[in-house]
Amino acid sequence: MNKGKIVAFRVYKNKDAVVKNSQAVMNRFVQKFYGQDASSHGGKYRHHKRGLLEDVAHIKLLRGVIILKEIDLEKIVSFLNEYNAEVYIRDIILTPEDEKILNKENQ
């Protein structure tokens, strides 16, 4: 049985009402963490901004809940800490289906 990690996190828009660019910060988080398709000039030019999770084998269960291999945990938690995210981490036993998905993404 292989073990994995389940990470549940919440990134707050802003705990301080003083900062006006909280939505911009959230947009930057989404771009850097998940990746995002972007276009400019009314859709004339399209490109994809790669996110951290695109290079890490993971299973996204719900918004803010992902399953990872233990070796990738530090990279993800470090990134979330940059955005002062509330993070919860637990050990889990991976199902054979989870193992297939996490191993397939590494190839």
PDB file of N, CA and C in Angstrom:
ATOM      1  N   MET A   1       0.835  -1.195   0.000  1.00  0.00           N
ATOM      2  CA  MET A   1       0.000   0.000   0.000  1.00  0.00           C
ATOM      3  C   MET A   1       0.875   1.252   0.000  1.00  0.00           C
ATOM      4  N   ASN A   2       0.612   2.117  -0.919  1.00  0.00           N
ATOM      5  CA  ASN A   2       1.341   3.373  -0.968  1.00  0.00           C
ATOM      6  C   ASN A   2       0.583   4.448  -0.213  1.00  0.00           C
ATOM      7  N   LYS A   3       1.348   5.284   0.430  1.00  0.00           N
ATOM      8  CA  LYS A   3       0.743   6.398   1.147  1.00  0.00           C
ATOM      9  C   LYS A   3       0.829   7.650   0.287  1.00  0.00           C
ATOM     10  N   GLY A   4      -0.110   8.516   0.511  1.00  0.00           N
ATOM     11  CA  GLY A   4      -0.132   9.799  -0.155  1.00  0.00           C
ATOM     12  C   GLY A   4      -0.493  10.862   0.856  1.00  0.00           C
ATOM     13  N   LYS A   5      -0.708  12.044   0.364  1.00  0.00           N
ATOM     14  CA  LYS A   5      -1.091  13.163   1.226  1.00  0.00           C
ATOM     15  C   LYS A   5      -2.347  13.799   0.642  1.00  0.00           C
ATOM     16  N   ILE A   6      -3.247  14.176   1.517  1.00  0.00           N
ATOM     17  CA  ILE A   6      -4.388  14.974   1.090  1.00  0.00           C
ATOM     18  C   ILE A   6      -4.179  16.365   1.675  1.00  0.00           C
ATOM     19  N   VAL A   7      -4.308  17.359   0.818  1.00  0.00           N
ATOM     20  CA  VAL A   7      -4.081  18.749   1.218  1.00  0.00           C
ATOM     21  C   VAL A   7      -5.384  19.513   0.982  1.00  0.00           C
ATOM     22  N   ALA A   8      -5.871  20.114   2.034  1.00  0.00           N
ATOM     23  CA  ALA A   8      -7.040  20.989   1.935  1.00  0.00           C
ATOM     24  C   ALA A   8      -6.549  22.396   2.256  1.00  0.00           C
ATOM     25  N   PHE A   9      -6.924  23.342   1.411  1.00  0.00           N
ATOM     26  CA  PHE A   9      -6.429  24.706   1.628  1.00  0.00           C
ATOM     27  C   PHE A   9      -7.502  25.725   1.279  1.00  0.00           C
ATOM     28  N   ARG A  10      -7.319  26.897   1.865  1.00  0.00           N
ATOM     29  CA  ARG A  10      -8.190  28.029   1.576  1.00  0.00           C
ATOM     30  C   ARG A  10      -7.314  29.266   1.502  1.00  0.00           C
ATOM     31  N   VAL A  11      -7.441  29.974   0.398  1.00  0.00           N
ATOM     32  CA  VAL A  11      -6.719  31.232   0.223  1.00  0.00           C
ATOM     33  C   VAL A  11      -7.748  32.341   0.353  1.00  0.00           C
ATOM     34  N   TYR A  12      -7.524  33.232   1.285  1.00  0.00           N
ATOM     35  CA  TYR A  12      -8.451  34.334   1.502  1.00  0.00           C
ATOM     36  C   TYR A  12      -8.137  35.457   0.538  1.00  0.00           C
ATOM     37  N   LYS A  13      -9.187  36.071   0.030  1.00  0.00           N
ATOM     38  CA  LYS A  13      -8.975  37.221  -0.856  1.00  0.00           C
ATOM     39  C   LYS A  13      -8.159  38.264  -0.141  1.00  0.00           C
ATOM     40  N   ASN A  14      -8.597  38.604   1.055  1.00  0.00           N
ATOM     41  CA  ASN A  14      -7.871  39.609   1.803  1.00  0.00           C
ATOM     42  C   ASN A  14      -8.453  39.693   3.210  1.00  0.00           C
ATOM     43  N   LYS A  15      -7.605  39.590   4.181  1.00  0.00           N
ATOM     44  CA  LYS A  15      -8.056  39.754   5.556  1.00  0.00           C
ATOM     45  C   LYS A  15      -8.105  41.235   5.924  1.00  0.00           C
ATOM     46  N   ASP A  16      -7.388  42.051   5.162  1.00  0.00           N
ATOM     47  CA  ASP A  16      -7.339  43.495   5.390  1.00  0.00           C
ATOM     48  C   ASP A  16      -8.184  44.195   4.341  1.00  0.00           C
ATOM     49  N   ALA A  17      -9.143  44.967   4.754  1.00  0.00           N
ATOM     50  CA  ALA A  17      -9.980  45.699   3.797  1.00  0.00           C
ATOM     51  C   ALA A  17      -9.218  46.856   3.165  1.00  0.00           C
ATOM     52  N   VAL A  18      -8.023  47.136   3.670  1.00  0.00           N
ATOM     53  CA  VAL A  18      -7.247  48.271   3.189  1.00  0.00           C
ATOM     54  C   VAL A  18      -6.675  48.013   1.791  1.00  0.00           C
ATOM     55  N   VAL A  19      -6.258  46.777   1.544  1.00  0.00           N
ATOM     56  CA  VAL A  19      -5.648  46.454   0.254  1.00  0.00           C
ATOM     57  C   VAL A  19      -6.741  46.389  -0.810  1.00  0.00           C
ATOM     58  N   LYS A  20      -6.564  47.159  -1.882  1.00  0.00           N
ATOM     59  CA  LYS A  20      -7.602  47.245  -2.902  1.00  0.00           C
ATOM     60  C   LYS A  20      -7.448  46.196  -3.993  1.00  0.00           C
ATOM     61  N   ASN A  21      -6.278  45.637  -4.165  1.00  0.00           N
ATOM     62  CA  ASN A  21      -6.017  44.718  -5.269  1.00  0.00           C
ATOM     63  C   ASN A  21      -6.162  43.255  -4.877  1.00  0.00           C
ATOM     64  N   SER A  22      -7.075  42.937  -3.956  1.00  0.00           N
ATOM     65  CA  SER A  22      -7.192  41.559  -3.500  1.00  0.00           C
ATOM     66  C   SER A  22      -7.643  40.628  -4.618  1.00  0.00           C
ATOM     67  N   GLN A  23      -8.511  41.095  -5.526  1.00  0.00           N
ATOM     68  CA  GLN A  23      -8.934  40.245  -6.633  1.00  0.00           C
ATOM     69  C   GLN A  23      -7.767  39.985  -7.579  1.00  0.00           C
ATOM     70  N   ALA A  24      -6.921  40.963  -7.773  1.00  0.00           N
ATOM     71  CA  ALA A  24      -5.741  40.779  -8.615  1.00  0.00           C
ATOM     72  C   ALA A  24      -4.811  39.731  -8.000  1.00  0.00           C
ATOM     73  N   VAL A  25      -4.681  39.739  -6.688  1.00  0.00           N
ATOM     74  CA  VAL A  25      -3.844  38.755  -6.006  1.00  0.00           C
ATOM     75  C   VAL A  25      -4.435  37.357  -6.196  1.00  0.00           C
ATOM     76  N   MET A  26      -5.751  37.232  -6.082  1.00  0.00           N
ATOM     77  CA  MET A  26      -6.394  35.932  -6.280  1.00  0.00           C
ATOM     78  C   MET A  26      -6.218  35.440  -7.717  1.00  0.00           C
ATOM     79  N   ASN A  27      -6.337  36.342  -8.676  1.00  0.00           N
ATOM     80  CA  ASN A  27      -6.134  35.965 -10.077  1.00  0.00           C
ATOM     81  C   ASN A  27      -4.713  35.472 -10.306  1.00  0.00           C
ATOM     82  N   ARG A  28      -3.752  36.150  -9.704  1.00  0.00           N
ATOM     83  CA  ARG A  28      -2.356  35.737  -9.832  1.00  0.00           C
ATOM     84  C   ARG A  28      -2.138  34.358  -9.207  1.00  0.00           C
ATOM     85  N   PHE A  29      -2.783  34.127  -8.055  1.00  0.00           N
ATOM     86  CA  PHE A  29      -2.687  32.816  -7.407  1.00  0.00           C
ATOM     87  C   PHE A  29      -3.199  31.719  -8.333  1.00  0.00           C
ATOM     88  N   VAL A  30      -4.371  31.923  -8.906  1.00  0.00           N
ATOM     89  CA  VAL A  30      -4.966  30.921  -9.792  1.00  0.00           C
ATOM     90  C   VAL A  30      -4.060  30.663 -11.000  1.00  0.00           C
ATOM     91  N   GLN A  31      -3.537  31.720 -11.594  1.00  0.00           N
ATOM     92  CA  GLN A  31      -2.643  31.560 -12.745  1.00  0.00           C
ATOM     93  C   GLN A  31      -1.413  30.756 -12.383  1.00  0.00           C
ATOM     94  N   LYS A  32      -0.789  31.097 -11.268  1.00  0.00           N
ATOM     95  CA  LYS A  32       0.463  30.438 -10.895  1.00  0.00           C
ATOM     96  C   LYS A  32       0.259  29.036 -10.344  1.00  0.00           C
ATOM     97  N   PHE A  33      -0.886  28.765  -9.718  1.00  0.00           N
ATOM     98  CA  PHE A  33      -1.121  27.463  -9.098  1.00  0.00           C
ATOM     99  C   PHE A  33      -1.762  26.479 -10.074  1.00  0.00           C
ATOM    100  N   TYR A  34      -2.847  26.882 -10.705  1.00  0.00           N
ATOM    101  CA  TYR A  34      -3.581  25.979 -11.589  1.00  0.00           C
ATOM    102  C   TYR A  34      -3.202  26.123 -13.059  1.00  0.00           C
ATOM    103  N   GLY A  35      -2.737  27.291 -13.456  1.00  0.00           N
ATOM    104  CA  GLY A  35      -2.522  27.574 -14.864  1.00  0.00           C
ATOM    105  C   GLY A  35      -3.776  28.216 -15.431  1.00  0.00           C
ATOM    106  N   GLN A  36      -3.656  28.859 -16.581  1.00  0.00           N
ATOM    107  CA  GLN A  36      -4.817  29.561 -17.125  1.00  0.00           C
ATOM    108  C   GLN A  36      -4.617  29.832 -18.610  1.00  0.00           C
ATOM    109  N   ASP A  37      -5.700  29.657 -19.369  1.00  0.00           N
ATOM    110  CA  ASP A  37      -5.692  30.076 -20.769  1.00  0.00           C
ATOM    111  C   ASP A  37      -5.935  31.580 -20.807  1.00  0.00           C
ATOM    112  N   ALA A  38      -5.210  32.250 -21.651  1.00  0.00           N
ATOM    113  CA  ALA A  38      -5.338  33.700 -21.732  1.00  0.00           C
ATOM    114  C   ALA A  38      -5.399  34.116 -23.197  1.00  0.00           C
ATOM    115  N   SER A  39      -6.022  35.256 -23.427  1.00  0.00           N
ATOM    116  CA  SER A  39      -6.062  35.794 -24.785  1.00  0.00           C
ATOM    117  C   SER A  39      -5.904  37.304 -24.702  1.00  0.00           C
ATOM    118  N   SER A  40      -5.517  37.866 -25.821  1.00  0.00           N
ATOM    119  CA  SER A  40      -5.364  39.316 -25.874  1.00  0.00           C
ATOM    120  C   SER A  40      -5.888  39.815 -27.218  1.00  0.00           C
ATOM    121  N   HIS A  41      -6.070  41.085 -27.293  1.00  0.00           N
ATOM    122  CA  HIS A  41      -6.585  41.731 -28.506  1.00  0.00           C
ATOM    123  C   HIS A  41      -7.902  41.110 -28.952  1.00  0.00           C
ATOM    124  N   GLY A  42      -8.835  41.013 -28.008  1.00  0.00           N
ATOM    125  CA  GLY A  42     -10.166  40.506 -28.342  1.00  0.00           C
ATOM    126  C   GLY A  42     -10.176  39.045 -28.753  1.00  0.00           C
ATOM    127  N   GLY A  43      -9.249  38.255 -28.251  1.00  0.00           N
ATOM    128  CA  GLY A  43      -9.203  36.830 -28.578  1.00  0.00           C
ATOM    129  C   GLY A  43      -8.343  36.499 -29.782  1.00  0.00           C
ATOM    130  N   LYS A  44      -7.694  37.490 -30.347  1.00  0.00           N
ATOM    131  CA  LYS A  44      -6.871  37.266 -31.537  1.00  0.00           C
ATOM    132  C   LYS A  44      -5.652  36.402 -31.216  1.00  0.00           C
ATOM    133  N   TYR A  45      -5.041  36.657 -30.066  1.00  0.00           N
ATOM    134  CA  TYR A  45      -3.867  35.892 -29.658  1.00  0.00           C
ATOM    135  C   TYR A  45      -4.204  35.075 -28.421  1.00  0.00           C
ATOM    136  N   ARG A  46      -3.949  33.800 -28.479  1.00  0.00           N
ATOM    137  CA  ARG A  46      -4.236  32.913 -27.343  1.00  0.00           C
ATOM    138  C   ARG A  46      -2.965  32.215 -26.903  1.00  0.00           C
ATOM    139  N   HIS A  47      -2.845  32.043 -25.589  1.00  0.00           N
ATOM    140  CA  HIS A  47      -1.717  31.296 -25.047  1.00  0.00           C
ATOM    141  C   HIS A  47      -2.113  30.714 -23.704  1.00  0.00           C
ATOM    142  N   HIS A  48      -1.292  29.833 -23.195  1.00  0.00           N
ATOM    143  CA  HIS A  48      -1.575  29.178 -21.918  1.00  0.00           C
ATOM    144  C   HIS A  48      -0.461  29.510 -20.929  1.00  0.00           C
ATOM    145  N   LYS A  49      -0.858  29.973 -19.763  1.00  0.00           N
ATOM    146  CA  LYS A  49       0.112  30.224 -18.691  1.00  0.00           C
ATOM    147  C   LYS A  49       0.138  28.981 -17.823  1.00  0.00           C
ATOM    148  N   ARG A  50       1.281  28.315 -17.777  1.00  0.00           N
ATOM    149  CA  ARG A  50       1.401  27.070 -17.007  1.00  0.00           C
ATOM    150  C   ARG A  50       1.394  27.359 -15.516  1.00  0.00           C
ATOM    151  N   GLY A  51       0.767  26.449 -14.797  1.00  0.00           N
ATOM    152  CA  GLY A  51       0.701  26.565 -13.354  1.00  0.00           C
ATOM    153  C   GLY A  51       1.516  25.480 -12.680  1.00  0.00           C
ATOM    154  N   LEU A  52       1.768  25.650 -11.407  1.00  0.00           N
ATOM    155  CA  LEU A  52       2.557  24.701 -10.624  1.00  0.00           C
ATOM    156  C   LEU A  52       1.959  23.298 -10.657  1.00  0.00           C
ATOM    157  N   LEU A  53       0.655  23.178 -10.524  1.00  0.00           N
ATOM    158  CA  LEU A  53       0.029  21.858 -10.486  1.00  0.00           C
ATOM    159  C   LEU A  53       0.127  21.106 -11.805  1.00  0.00           C
ATOM    160  N   GLU A  54       0.387  21.801 -12.882  1.00  0.00           N
ATOM    161  CA  GLU A  54       0.531  21.124 -14.173  1.00  0.00           C
ATOM    162  C   GLU A  54       1.819  20.306 -14.236  1.00  0.00           C
ATOM    163  N   ASP A  55       2.757  20.599 -13.358  1.00  0.00           N
ATOM    164  CA  ASP A  55       4.021  19.856 -13.325  1.00  0.00           C
ATOM    165  C   ASP A  55       4.099  18.902 -12.146  1.00  0.00           C
ATOM    166  N   VAL A  56       3.001  18.755 -11.404  1.00  0.00           N
ATOM    167  CA  VAL A  56       2.973  17.895 -10.227  1.00  0.00           C
ATOM    168  C   VAL A  56       1.831  16.896 -10.385  1.00  0.00           C
ATOM    169  N   ALA A  57       2.118  15.619 -10.189  1.00  0.00           N
ATOM    170  CA  ALA A  57       1.066  14.605 -10.241  1.00  0.00           C
ATOM    171  C   ALA A  57       0.116  14.843  -9.081  1.00  0.00           C
ATOM    172  N   HIS A  58      -1.170  14.977  -9.382  1.00  0.00           N
ATOM    173  CA  HIS A  58      -2.157  15.266  -8.339  1.00  0.00           C
ATOM    174  C   HIS A  58      -3.539  14.827  -8.783  1.00  0.00           C
ATOM    175  N   ILE A  59      -4.435  14.735  -7.825  1.00  0.00           N
ATOM    176  CA  ILE A  59      -5.846  14.495  -8.082  1.00  0.00           C
ATOM    177  C   ILE A  59      -6.601  15.615  -7.383  1.00  0.00           C
ATOM    178  N   LYS A  60      -7.376  16.347  -8.138  1.00  0.00           N
ATOM    179  CA  LYS A  60      -8.170  17.438  -7.549  1.00  0.00           C
ATOM    180  C   LYS A  60      -9.544  16.868  -7.194  1.00  0.00           C
ATOM    181  N   LEU A  61      -9.852  16.839  -5.905  1.00  0.00           N
ATOM    182  CA  LEU A  61     -11.134  16.300  -5.460  1.00  0.00           C
ATOM    183  C   LEU A  61     -12.231  17.350  -5.494  1.00  0.00           C
ATOM    184  N   LEU A  62     -11.963  18.473  -4.886  1.00  0.00           N
ATOM    185  CA  LEU A  62     -12.890  19.595  -4.804  1.00  0.00           C
ATOM    186  C   LEU A  62     -12.073  20.871  -4.856  1.00  0.00           C
ATOM    187  N   ARG A  63     -12.740  21.998  -4.853  1.00  0.00           N
ATOM    188  CA  ARG A  63     -12.004  23.256  -4.789  1.00  0.00           C
ATOM    189  C   ARG A  63     -11.199  23.276  -3.492  1.00  0.00           C
ATOM    190  N   GLY A  64      -9.899  23.415  -3.635  1.00  0.00           N
ATOM    191  CA  GLY A  64      -9.038  23.512  -2.467  1.00  0.00           C
ATOM    192  C   GLY A  64      -8.702  22.187  -1.808  1.00  0.00           C
ATOM    193  N   VAL A  65      -8.967  21.063  -2.482  1.00  0.00           N
ATOM    194  CA  VAL A  65      -8.638  19.743  -1.922  1.00  0.00           C
ATOM    195  C   VAL A  65      -7.945  18.924  -2.999  1.00  0.00           C
ATOM    196  N   ILE A  66      -6.676  18.556  -2.744  1.00  0.00           N
ATOM    197  CA  ILE A  66      -5.917  17.773  -3.713  1.00  0.00           C
ATOM    198  C   ILE A  66      -5.210  16.602  -3.024  1.00  0.00           C
ATOM    199  N   ILE A  67      -4.999  15.541  -3.793  1.00  0.00           N
ATOM    200  CA  ILE A  67      -4.224  14.387  -3.332  1.00  0.00           C
ATOM    201  C   ILE A  67      -2.896  14.425  -4.065  1.00  0.00           C
ATOM    202  N   LEU A  68      -1.810  14.234  -3.307  1.00  0.00           N
ATOM    203  CA  LEU A  68      -0.456  14.293  -3.854  1.00  0.00           C
ATOM    204  C   LEU A  68       0.358  13.101  -3.390  1.00  0.00           C
ATOM    205  N   LYS A  69       1.456  12.891  -4.083  1.00  0.00           N
ATOM    206  CA  LYS A  69       2.477  11.994  -3.558  1.00  0.00           C
ATOM    207  C   LYS A  69       3.254  12.763  -2.495  1.00  0.00           C
ATOM    208  N   GLU A  70       3.807  12.035  -1.568  1.00  0.00           N
ATOM    209  CA  GLU A  70       4.529  12.668  -0.466  1.00  0.00           C
ATOM    210  C   GLU A  70       5.721  13.493  -0.954  1.00  0.00           C
ATOM    211  N   ILE A  71       6.353  13.068  -2.038  1.00  0.00           N
ATOM    212  CA  ILE A  71       7.546  13.771  -2.523  1.00  0.00           C
ATOM    213  C   ILE A  71       7.231  15.177  -3.055  1.00  0.00           C
ATOM    214  N   ASP A  72       5.971  15.421  -3.446  1.00  0.00           N
ATOM    215  CA  ASP A  72       5.593  16.727  -3.997  1.00  0.00           C
ATOM    216  C   ASP A  72       5.024  17.681  -2.961  1.00  0.00           C
ATOM    217  N   LEU A  73       4.842  17.207  -1.745  1.00  0.00           N
ATOM    218  CA  LEU A  73       4.153  17.990  -0.724  1.00  0.00           C
ATOM    219  C   LEU A  73       4.854  19.309  -0.403  1.00  0.00           C
ATOM    220  N   GLU A  74       6.159  19.276  -0.203  1.00  0.00           N
ATOM    221  CA  GLU A  74       6.888  20.474   0.225  1.00  0.00           C
ATOM    222  C   GLU A  74       6.755  21.607  -0.791  1.00  0.00           C
ATOM    223  N   LYS A  75       6.834  21.267  -2.064  1.00  0.00           N
ATOM    224  CA  LYS A  75       6.730  22.263  -3.135  1.00  0.00           C
ATOM    225  C   LYS A  75       5.361  22.964  -3.100  1.00  0.00           C
ATOM    226  N   ILE A  76       4.302  22.185  -2.909  1.00  0.00           N
ATOM    227  CA  ILE A  76       2.947  22.725  -2.899  1.00  0.00           C
ATOM    228  C   ILE A  76       2.702  23.568  -1.653  1.00  0.00           C
ATOM    229  N   VAL A  77       3.077  23.044  -0.494  1.00  0.00           N
ATOM    230  CA  VAL A  77       2.850  23.770   0.760  1.00  0.00           C
ATOM    231  C   VAL A  77       3.648  25.065   0.786  1.00  0.00           C
ATOM    232  N   SER A  78       4.852  25.038   0.273  1.00  0.00           N
ATOM    233  CA  SER A  78       5.673  26.238   0.204  1.00  0.00           C
ATOM    234  C   SER A  78       4.978  27.317  -0.635  1.00  0.00           C
ATOM    235  N   PHE A  79       4.438  26.915  -1.777  1.00  0.00           N
ATOM    236  CA  PHE A  79       3.723  27.866  -2.633  1.00  0.00           C
ATOM    237  C   PHE A  79       2.496  28.426  -1.919  1.00  0.00           C
ATOM    238  N   LEU A  80       1.715  27.558  -1.276  1.00  0.00           N
ATOM    239  CA  LEU A  80       0.510  28.011  -0.577  1.00  0.00           C
ATOM    240  C   LEU A  80       0.850  28.968   0.558  1.00  0.00           C
ATOM    241  N   ASN A  81       1.958  28.722   1.226  1.00  0.00           N
ATOM    242  CA  ASN A  81       2.375  29.607   2.309  1.00  0.00           C
ATOM    243  C   ASN A  81       2.722  31.004   1.812  1.00  0.00           C
ATOM    244  N   GLU A  82       3.174  31.121   0.567  1.00  0.00           N
ATOM    245  CA  GLU A  82       3.461  32.437  -0.009  1.00  0.00           C
ATOM    246  C   GLU A  82       2.197  33.301  -0.077  1.00  0.00           C
ATOM    247  N   TYR A  83       1.045  32.644  -0.167  1.00  0.00           N
ATOM    248  CA  TYR A  83      -0.228  33.354  -0.239  1.00  0.00           C
ATOM    249  C   TYR A  83      -0.988  33.311   1.088  1.00  0.00           C
ATOM    250  N   ASN A  84      -0.285  32.986   2.158  1.00  0.00           N
ATOM    251  CA  ASN A  84      -0.864  32.919   3.499  1.00  0.00           C
ATOM    252  C   ASN A  84      -2.128  32.066   3.547  1.00  0.00           C
ATOM    253  N   ALA A  85      -2.093  30.944   2.851  1.00  0.00           N
ATOM    254  CA  ALA A  85      -3.246  30.055   2.804  1.00  0.00           C
ATOM    255  C   ALA A  85      -3.397  29.303   4.121  1.00  0.00           C
ATOM    256  N   GLU A  86      -4.621  28.986   4.440  1.00  0.00           N
ATOM    257  CA  GLU A  86      -4.924  28.102   5.563  1.00  0.00           C
ATOM    258  C   GLU A  86      -4.794  26.689   4.996  1.00  0.00           C
ATOM    259  N   VAL A  87      -3.880  25.876   5.540  1.00  0.00           N
ATOM    260  CA  VAL A  87      -3.558  24.578   4.954  1.00  0.00           C
ATOM    261  C   VAL A  87      -3.716  23.476   5.986  1.00  0.00           C
ATOM    262  N   TYR A  88      -4.368  22.383   5.556  1.00  0.00           N
ATOM    263  CA  TYR A  88      -4.502  21.181   6.379  1.00  0.00           C
ATOM    264  C   TYR A  88      -3.968  20.005   5.585  1.00  0.00           C
ATOM    265  N   ILE A  89      -3.138  19.179   6.215  1.00  0.00           N
ATOM    266  CA  ILE A  89      -2.491  18.060   5.539  1.00  0.00           C
ATOM    267  C   ILE A  89      -2.724  16.794   6.357  1.00  0.00           C
ATOM    268  N   ARG A  90      -3.098  15.721   5.674  1.00  0.00           N
ATOM    269  CA  ARG A  90      -3.282  14.431   6.332  1.00  0.00           C
ATOM    270  C   ARG A  90      -2.675  13.333   5.475  1.00  0.00           C
ATOM    271  N   ASP A  91      -2.229  12.261   6.140  1.00  0.00           N
ATOM    272  CA  ASP A  91      -1.755  11.066   5.440  1.00  0.00           C
ATOM    273  C   ASP A  91      -2.966  10.272   4.983  1.00  0.00           C
ATOM    274  N   ILE A  92      -2.864   9.694   3.796  1.00  0.00           N
ATOM    275  CA  ILE A  92      -3.924   8.811   3.312  1.00  0.00           C
ATOM    276  C   ILE A  92      -3.293   7.587   2.669  1.00  0.00           C
ATOM    277  N   ILE A  93      -4.076   6.546   2.529  1.00  0.00           N
ATOM    278  CA  ILE A  93      -3.643   5.357   1.800  1.00  0.00           C
ATOM    279  C   ILE A  93      -4.259   5.460   0.413  1.00  0.00           C
ATOM    280  N   LEU A  94      -3.414   5.413  -0.595  1.00  0.00           N
ATOM    281  CA  LEU A  94      -3.877   5.563  -1.967  1.00  0.00           C
ATOM    282  C   LEU A  94      -4.569   4.294  -2.434  1.00  0.00           C
ATOM    283  N   THR A  95      -5.683   4.454  -3.131  1.00  0.00           N
ATOM    284  CA  THR A  95      -6.341   3.316  -3.758  1.00  0.00           C
ATOM    285  C   THR A  95      -5.536   2.949  -5.003  1.00  0.00           C
ATOM    286  N   PRO A  96      -5.716   1.737  -5.521  1.00  0.00           N
ATOM    287  CA  PRO A  96      -5.023   1.388  -6.769  1.00  0.00           C
ATOM    288  C   PRO A  96      -5.335   2.372  -7.901  1.00  0.00           C
ATOM    289  N   GLU A  97      -6.574   2.867  -7.938  1.00  0.00           N
ATOM    290  CA  GLU A  97      -6.960   3.844  -8.955  1.00  0.00           C
ATOM    291  C   GLU A  97      -6.178   5.158  -8.784  1.00  0.00           C
ATOM    292  N   ASP A  98      -6.037   5.613  -7.524  1.00  0.00           N
ATOM    293  CA  ASP A  98      -5.258   6.825  -7.249  1.00  0.00           C
ATOM    294  C   ASP A  98      -3.812   6.637  -7.679  1.00  0.00           C
ATOM    295  N   GLU A  99      -3.240   5.477  -7.361  1.00  0.00           N
ATOM    296  CA  GLU A  99      -1.851   5.209  -7.732  1.00  0.00           C
ATOM    297  C   GLU A  99      -1.643   5.266  -9.226  1.00  0.00           C
ATOM    298  N   LYS A 100      -2.589   4.691  -9.990  1.00  0.00           N
ATOM    299  CA  LYS A 100      -2.491   4.728 -11.447  1.00  0.00           C
ATOM    300  C   LYS A 100      -2.469   6.162 -11.957  1.00  0.00           C
ATOM    301  N   ILE A 101      -3.361   6.975 -11.421  1.00  0.00           N
ATOM    302  CA  ILE A 101      -3.457   8.366 -11.875  1.00  0.00           C
ATOM    303  C   ILE A 101      -2.184   9.124 -11.511  1.00  0.00           C
ATOM    304  N   LEU A 102      -1.716   8.978 -10.290  1.00  0.00           N
ATOM    305  CA  LEU A 102      -0.525   9.721  -9.845  1.00  0.00           C
ATOM    306  C   LEU A 102       0.738   9.234 -10.562  1.00  0.00           C
ATOM    307  N   ASN A 103       0.817   7.965 -10.866  1.00  0.00           N
ATOM    308  CA  ASN A 103       1.993   7.454 -11.583  1.00  0.00           C
ATOM    309  C   ASN A 103       1.932   7.787 -13.068  1.00  0.00           C
ATOM    310  N   LYS A 104       0.749   7.792 -13.655  1.00  0.00           N
ATOM    311  CA  LYS A 104       0.592   8.109 -15.078  1.00  0.00           C
ATOM    312  C   LYS A 104       0.986   9.548 -15.361  1.00  0.00           C
ATOM    313  N   GLU A 105       0.673  10.452 -14.455  1.00  0.00           N
ATOM    314  CA  GLU A 105       0.986  11.869 -14.675  1.00  0.00           C
ATOM    315  C   GLU A 105       2.470  12.136 -14.632  1.00  0.00           C
ATOM    316  N   ASN A 106       3.244  11.252 -14.023  1.00  0.00           N
ATOM    317  CA  ASN A 106       4.695  11.447 -13.958  1.00  0.00           C
ATOM    318  C   ASN A 106       5.397  11.025 -15.232  1.00  0.00           C
ATOM    319  N   GLN A 107       4.751  10.272 -16.081  1.00  0.00           N
ATOM    320  CA  GLN A 107       5.405   9.743 -17.282  1.00  0.00           C
ATOM    321  C   GLN A 107       5.304  10.685 -18.434  1.00  0.00           C
TER     322      GLN A 107
END
